[in-house]
Amino acid sequence: MRYGIWTVAFWKATLERAVSTAAQTAAAALTVGTLPAASLPWKAVAAAAGIGALLSVLKSLAVNQATGNGPGVGSAERVIDV
């Protein structure tokens, strides 16, 4: 069964992925960023996190278009009606 992007379940899963990706991107940028923290380019960290989240949403849309099973590539996670 194919699941469209116009379901609450799809967007919940997509939002979870986007927030997770943004947090991971920000953590990576902070980890490899300049020290001390006062000189860290916070705008660059925020921009990287935002771009990561946007790319995650685009990937979720592309994967759903290709598989019809939601935002996940594999069969381990799929959007289903409950």
Protein backbone atom coordinates (compact mmCIF):
# COMPACT_ATOMS: atom_id res chain seq x y z
CA MET A 1 0.00 0.00 0.00
CA ARG A 2 1.35 3.42 -0.92
CA TYR A 3 1.24 6.21 1.67
CA GLY A 4 1.04 9.79 0.52
CA ILE A 5 2.76 12.77 2.01
CA TRP A 6 -0.57 14.25 3.10
CA THR A 7 -0.85 12.20 6.29
CA VAL A 8 -0.08 13.24 9.85
CA ALA A 9 1.99 10.09 10.36
CA PHE A 10 4.25 10.93 7.41
CA TRP A 11 4.91 14.45 8.64
CA LYS A 12 5.50 13.31 12.24
CA ALA A 13 8.15 10.88 11.01
CA THR A 14 9.64 13.50 8.69
CA LEU A 15 9.74 16.14 11.45
CA GLU A 16 11.44 13.69 13.81
CA ARG A 17 14.09 12.99 11.18
CA ALA A 18 14.62 16.68 10.38
CA VAL A 19 15.00 17.70 14.03
CA SER A 20 17.39 14.81 14.65
CA THR A 21 19.48 15.73 11.63
CA ALA A 22 19.58 19.40 12.65
CA ALA A 23 20.75 18.47 16.16
CA GLN A 24 23.39 16.08 14.83
CA THR A 25 24.64 18.69 12.35
CA ALA A 26 24.84 21.37 15.05
CA ALA A 27 26.66 18.97 17.40
CA ALA A 28 29.17 18.12 14.68
CA ALA A 29 29.71 21.78 13.83
CA LEU A 30 30.21 22.64 17.49
CA THR A 31 32.60 19.73 17.97
CA VAL A 32 34.86 20.66 15.09
CA GLY A 33 34.29 24.41 15.47
CA THR A 34 36.77 26.93 16.69
CA LEU A 35 37.65 27.34 20.36
CA PRO A 36 37.02 29.18 22.60
CA ALA A 37 33.25 28.95 22.35
CA ALA A 38 32.91 32.74 22.45
CA SER A 39 34.49 32.97 19.00
CA LEU A 40 32.39 30.19 17.51
CA PRO A 41 30.52 31.35 14.40
CA TRP A 42 27.02 30.71 15.76
CA LYS A 43 25.34 31.88 12.56
CA ALA A 44 27.32 29.29 10.62
CA VAL A 45 26.31 26.55 13.09
CA ALA A 46 22.64 27.56 12.80
CA ALA A 47 22.88 27.70 9.01
CA ALA A 48 24.47 24.24 8.86
CA ALA A 49 21.76 22.82 11.14
CA GLY A 50 19.03 24.42 9.03
CA ILE A 51 20.50 23.12 5.79
CA GLY A 52 20.80 19.64 7.32
CA ALA A 53 17.14 19.72 8.37
CA LEU A 54 16.05 20.90 4.91
CA LEU A 55 18.04 18.15 3.22
CA SER A 56 16.47 15.61 5.57
CA VAL A 57 12.95 16.75 4.60
CA LEU A 58 13.84 16.63 0.90
CA LYS A 59 15.26 13.13 1.33
CA SER A 60 12.10 12.00 3.12
CA LEU A 61 9.96 13.32 0.26
CA ALA A 62 12.18 11.66 -2.36
CA VAL A 63 12.23 8.32 -0.55
CA ASN A 64 8.46 8.34 -0.17
CA GLN A 65 8.10 9.11 -3.87
CA ALA A 66 10.38 6.18 -4.73
CA THR A 67 9.08 3.60 -2.25
CA GLY A 68 5.61 4.76 -1.20
CA ASN A 69 6.30 3.49 2.33
CA GLY A 70 7.04 6.74 4.10
CA PRO A 71 10.25 8.63 4.77
CA GLY A 72 12.44 5.60 5.57
CA VAL A 73 14.59 3.90 2.94
CA GLY A 74 14.50 0.38 4.35
CA SER A 75 11.60 -1.73 5.44
CA ALA A 76 12.53 -1.41 9.11
CA GLU A 77 10.50 1.77 9.44
CA ARG A 78 7.34 2.56 7.55
CA VAL A 79 4.40 4.89 8.02
CA ILE A 80 1.24 2.89 8.68
CA ASP A 81 -2.32 3.74 9.55
CA VAL A 82 -3.16 2.87 13.13
